[in-house]
Amino acid sequence: MVTLGGAVATLLAAERDDVSQLVTVAGNIDTDYWTTLQHISPLTGSLNPADQWPSLQAIPQIHFVGSEDKIMPVAVANAYQQHFPQSKRPTVRVITGMTHHCCWVEHWPELLQEISAAKKPAP
C-alpha cells in the first residue's frame, strides 16, 4: 500500500509561505519517476511533487529513505533531488537496513535529532 503522504506534504509545502522545513520518510516525492521505475501506468489527474521544485528550493528539506525499501527506493528521492539546481538540492538521507514499513518508529529519536540539527541556521 502506498499512501503518498510525502507527495501531499511536498505539494502542500510548495503552495504555502509559512513552511520552515520539509521532512519526508519513505515518501513518493517524484511520482512520475516512481511509476516509470515500478513499470506501472502514470498517475492521471495528479501533480508530481518534483515539478514544484521552483517553489520548494528555498525550504530546507530532508528526505529519509530506507536502503532496503523496494516500494519507495532511494532512486525516487534521488530523481526528485535532480530537479533542483546543484546548489539548492535537498538532503536525501539513506538509513541503512530500513524497508518501507520496518522500524522507522524505533529510529525516530535519532532522526528527530538530525531533523532538529538540520533546521538550525549555520553560524
C-alpha atoms as a PDB file:
ATOM      1  CA  MET A   1       0.000   0.000   0.000  1.00  0.00           C
ATOM      2  CA  VAL A   2       1.252   3.476  -0.908  1.00  0.00           C
ATOM      3  CA  THR A   3      -0.374   6.396   0.870  1.00  0.00           C
ATOM      4  CA  LEU A   4       1.511   9.219  -0.875  1.00  0.00           C
ATOM      5  CA  GLY A   5       1.841  11.240   2.360  1.00  0.00           C
ATOM      6  CA  GLY A   6       5.247  12.516   1.250  1.00  0.00           C
ATOM      7  CA  ALA A   7       3.736  13.682  -2.032  1.00  0.00           C
ATOM      8  CA  VAL A   8       0.921  15.516  -0.245  1.00  0.00           C
ATOM      9  CA  ALA A   9       3.329  17.164   2.222  1.00  0.00           C
ATOM     10  CA  THR A  10       5.610  18.280  -0.598  1.00  0.00           C
ATOM     11  CA  LEU A  11       2.771  19.665  -2.719  1.00  0.00           C
ATOM     12  CA  LEU A  12       1.336  21.489   0.292  1.00  0.00           C
ATOM     13  CA  ALA A  13       4.728  22.979   1.175  1.00  0.00           C
ATOM     14  CA  ALA A  14       5.040  24.295  -2.382  1.00  0.00           C
ATOM     15  CA  GLU A  15       1.776  26.229  -2.011  1.00  0.00           C
ATOM     16  CA  ARG A  16       2.426  27.804   1.385  1.00  0.00           C
ATOM     17  CA  ASP A  17       4.733  30.569   2.562  1.00  0.00           C
ATOM     18  CA  ASP A  18       4.916  29.520   6.223  1.00  0.00           C
ATOM     19  CA  VAL A  19       6.751  26.185   5.930  1.00  0.00           C
ATOM     20  CA  SER A  20      10.060  26.277   7.783  1.00  0.00           C
ATOM     21  CA  GLN A  21      11.205  22.758   6.895  1.00  0.00           C
ATOM     22  CA  LEU A  22      10.018  19.821   4.779  1.00  0.00           C
ATOM     23  CA  VAL A  23      10.705  16.297   6.058  1.00  0.00           C
ATOM     24  CA  THR A  24       9.547  13.068   4.441  1.00  0.00           C
ATOM     25  CA  VAL A  25      10.027   9.441   5.451  1.00  0.00           C
ATOM     26  CA  ALA A  26       9.936   6.905   2.601  1.00  0.00           C
ATOM     27  CA  GLY A  27       7.960   9.480   0.635  1.00  0.00           C
ATOM     28  CA  ASN A  28       6.929   9.400  -3.001  1.00  0.00           C
ATOM     29  CA  ILE A  29       8.295  12.802  -3.933  1.00  0.00           C
ATOM     30  CA  ASP A  30       8.731  12.140  -7.663  1.00  0.00           C
ATOM     31  CA  THR A  31       5.608  10.292  -8.735  1.00  0.00           C
ATOM     32  CA  ASP A  32       6.484  10.347 -12.448  1.00  0.00           C
ATOM     33  CA  TYR A  33       9.832   8.681 -11.833  1.00  0.00           C
ATOM     34  CA  TRP A  34       8.255   6.204  -9.409  1.00  0.00           C
ATOM     35  CA  THR A  35       5.625   4.977 -11.886  1.00  0.00           C
ATOM     36  CA  THR A  36       8.324   4.501 -14.535  1.00  0.00           C
ATOM     37  CA  LEU A  37      10.583   2.669 -12.083  1.00  0.00           C
ATOM     38  CA  GLN A  38       7.755   0.378 -10.947  1.00  0.00           C
ATOM     39  CA  HIS A  39       6.576  -0.237 -14.554  1.00  0.00           C
ATOM     40  CA  ILE A  40       3.054   0.940 -13.795  1.00  0.00           C
ATOM     41  CA  SER A  41       0.757   3.363 -15.584  1.00  0.00           C
ATOM     42  CA  PRO A  42       1.362   7.053 -14.904  1.00  0.00           C
ATOM     43  CA  LEU A  43      -0.860   8.653 -12.300  1.00  0.00           C
ATOM     44  CA  THR A  44      -3.555  10.645 -14.056  1.00  0.00           C
ATOM     45  CA  GLY A  45      -5.044  13.771 -12.581  1.00  0.00           C
ATOM     46  CA  SER A  46      -2.216  14.026 -10.071  1.00  0.00           C
ATOM     47  CA  LEU A  47       0.528  16.579  -9.625  1.00  0.00           C
ATOM     48  CA  ASN A  48       4.131  15.420  -9.479  1.00  0.00           C
ATOM     49  CA  PRO A  49       5.794  16.921  -6.380  1.00  0.00           C
ATOM     50  CA  ALA A  50       9.137  17.100  -8.197  1.00  0.00           C
ATOM     51  CA  ASP A  51       7.664  19.529 -10.730  1.00  0.00           C
ATOM     52  CA  GLN A  52       7.100  22.004  -7.890  1.00  0.00           C
ATOM     53  CA  TRP A  53      10.839  22.411  -7.260  1.00  0.00           C
ATOM     54  CA  PRO A  54      10.907  26.164  -8.084  1.00  0.00           C
ATOM     55  CA  SER A  55       8.551  26.830  -5.162  1.00  0.00           C
ATOM     56  CA  LEU A  56      10.459  24.468  -2.866  1.00  0.00           C
ATOM     57  CA  GLN A  57      14.083  25.441  -3.395  1.00  0.00           C
ATOM     58  CA  ALA A  58      14.162  27.956  -0.533  1.00  0.00           C
ATOM     59  CA  ILE A  59      12.710  25.495   2.009  1.00  0.00           C
ATOM     60  CA  PRO A  60      15.197  23.391   3.997  1.00  0.00           C
ATOM     61  CA  GLN A  61      14.435  19.744   3.282  1.00  0.00           C
ATOM     62  CA  ILE A  62      15.488  16.318   4.462  1.00  0.00           C
ATOM     63  CA  HIS A  63      14.107  13.169   2.886  1.00  0.00           C
ATOM     64  CA  PHE A  64      14.721   9.884   4.708  1.00  0.00           C
ATOM     65  CA  VAL A  65      14.780   6.691   2.635  1.00  0.00           C
ATOM     66  CA  GLY A  66      15.399   3.113   3.670  1.00  0.00           C
ATOM     67  CA  SER A  67      18.306   1.362   1.970  1.00  0.00           C
ATOM     68  CA  GLU A  68      16.179  -1.794   1.624  1.00  0.00           C
ATOM     69  CA  ASP A  69      12.940  -0.061   0.561  1.00  0.00           C
ATOM     70  CA  LYS A  70      11.630  -1.749  -2.598  1.00  0.00           C
ATOM     71  CA  ILE A  71       8.390   0.266  -2.622  1.00  0.00           C
ATOM     72  CA  MET A  72       9.976   3.734  -2.496  1.00  0.00           C
ATOM     73  CA  PRO A  73      13.656   3.127  -3.256  1.00  0.00           C
ATOM     74  CA  VAL A  74      16.362   5.741  -2.890  1.00  0.00           C
ATOM     75  CA  ALA A  75      16.283   6.259  -6.668  1.00  0.00           C
ATOM     76  CA  VAL A  76      12.947   8.090  -6.273  1.00  0.00           C
ATOM     77  CA  ALA A  77      14.387  10.607  -3.804  1.00  0.00           C
ATOM     78  CA  ASN A  78      17.491  10.992  -5.959  1.00  0.00           C
ATOM     79  CA  ALA A  79      15.324  11.703  -9.008  1.00  0.00           C
ATOM     80  CA  TYR A  80      13.463  14.386  -7.026  1.00  0.00           C
ATOM     81  CA  GLN A  81      16.760  15.898  -5.926  1.00  0.00           C
ATOM     82  CA  GLN A  82      17.967  16.146  -9.535  1.00  0.00           C
ATOM     83  CA  HIS A  83      15.186  18.615 -10.400  1.00  0.00           C
ATOM     84  CA  PHE A  84      16.876  21.269  -8.249  1.00  0.00           C
ATOM     85  CA  PRO A  85      19.919  23.343  -9.183  1.00  0.00           C
ATOM     86  CA  GLN A  86      23.018  21.753  -7.657  1.00  0.00           C
ATOM     87  CA  SER A  87      23.423  24.474  -5.015  1.00  0.00           C
ATOM     88  CA  LYS A  88      19.782  24.096  -3.879  1.00  0.00           C
ATOM     89  CA  ARG A  89      19.438  20.311  -3.810  1.00  0.00           C
ATOM     90  CA  PRO A  90      17.609  18.983  -0.764  1.00  0.00           C
ATOM     91  CA  THR A  91      19.189  16.441   1.538  1.00  0.00           C
ATOM     92  CA  VAL A  92      18.429  12.785   0.880  1.00  0.00           C
ATOM     93  CA  ARG A  93      19.424  10.620   3.823  1.00  0.00           C
ATOM     94  CA  VAL A  94      19.576   6.867   3.325  1.00  0.00           C
ATOM     95  CA  ILE A  95      19.012   4.862   6.514  1.00  0.00           C
ATOM     96  CA  THR A  96      20.843   1.550   6.342  1.00  0.00           C
ATOM     97  CA  GLY A  97      18.757  -1.588   6.724  1.00  0.00           C
ATOM     98  CA  MET A  98      15.376   0.127   6.663  1.00  0.00           C
ATOM     99  CA  THR A  99      12.496  -1.029   4.458  1.00  0.00           C
ATOM    100  CA  HIS A 100       9.356   0.867   3.582  1.00  0.00           C
ATOM    101  CA  HIS A 101       7.497  -0.435   6.621  1.00  0.00           C
ATOM    102  CA  CYS A 102      10.013  -1.685   9.114  1.00  0.00           C
ATOM    103  CA  CYS A 103      11.370   0.024  12.122  1.00  0.00           C
ATOM    104  CA  TRP A 104      11.061   3.744  11.427  1.00  0.00           C
ATOM    105  CA  VAL A 105       9.413   4.258  14.832  1.00  0.00           C
ATOM    106  CA  GLU A 106      12.355   2.715  16.654  1.00  0.00           C
ATOM    107  CA  HIS A 107      14.766   5.072  14.888  1.00  0.00           C
ATOM    108  CA  TRP A 108      12.613   8.175  15.234  1.00  0.00           C
ATOM    109  CA  PRO A 109      14.501   9.680  18.230  1.00  0.00           C
ATOM    110  CA  GLU A 110      17.772   9.749  16.244  1.00  0.00           C
ATOM    111  CA  LEU A 111      16.043  11.004  13.104  1.00  0.00           C
ATOM    112  CA  LEU A 112      14.363  13.754  15.092  1.00  0.00           C
ATOM    113  CA  GLN A 113      17.756  14.894  16.386  1.00  0.00           C
ATOM    114  CA  GLU A 114      19.028  15.026  12.817  1.00  0.00           C
ATOM    115  CA  ILE A 115      15.971  16.978  11.698  1.00  0.00           C
ATOM    116  CA  SER A 116      16.453  19.493  14.527  1.00  0.00           C
ATOM    117  CA  ALA A 117      20.140  19.905  13.727  1.00  0.00           C
ATOM    118  CA  ALA A 118      19.412  20.450  10.028  1.00  0.00           C
ATOM    119  CA  LYS A 119      16.884  23.163  10.835  1.00  0.00           C
ATOM    120  CA  LYS A 120      19.375  25.284  12.781  1.00  0.00           C
ATOM    121  CA  PRO A 121      20.994  28.045  10.732  1.00  0.00           C
ATOM    122  CA  ALA A 122      24.723  27.781  10.116  1.00  0.00           C
ATOM    123  CA  PRO A 123      26.879  30.044  12.369  1.00  0.00           C
END
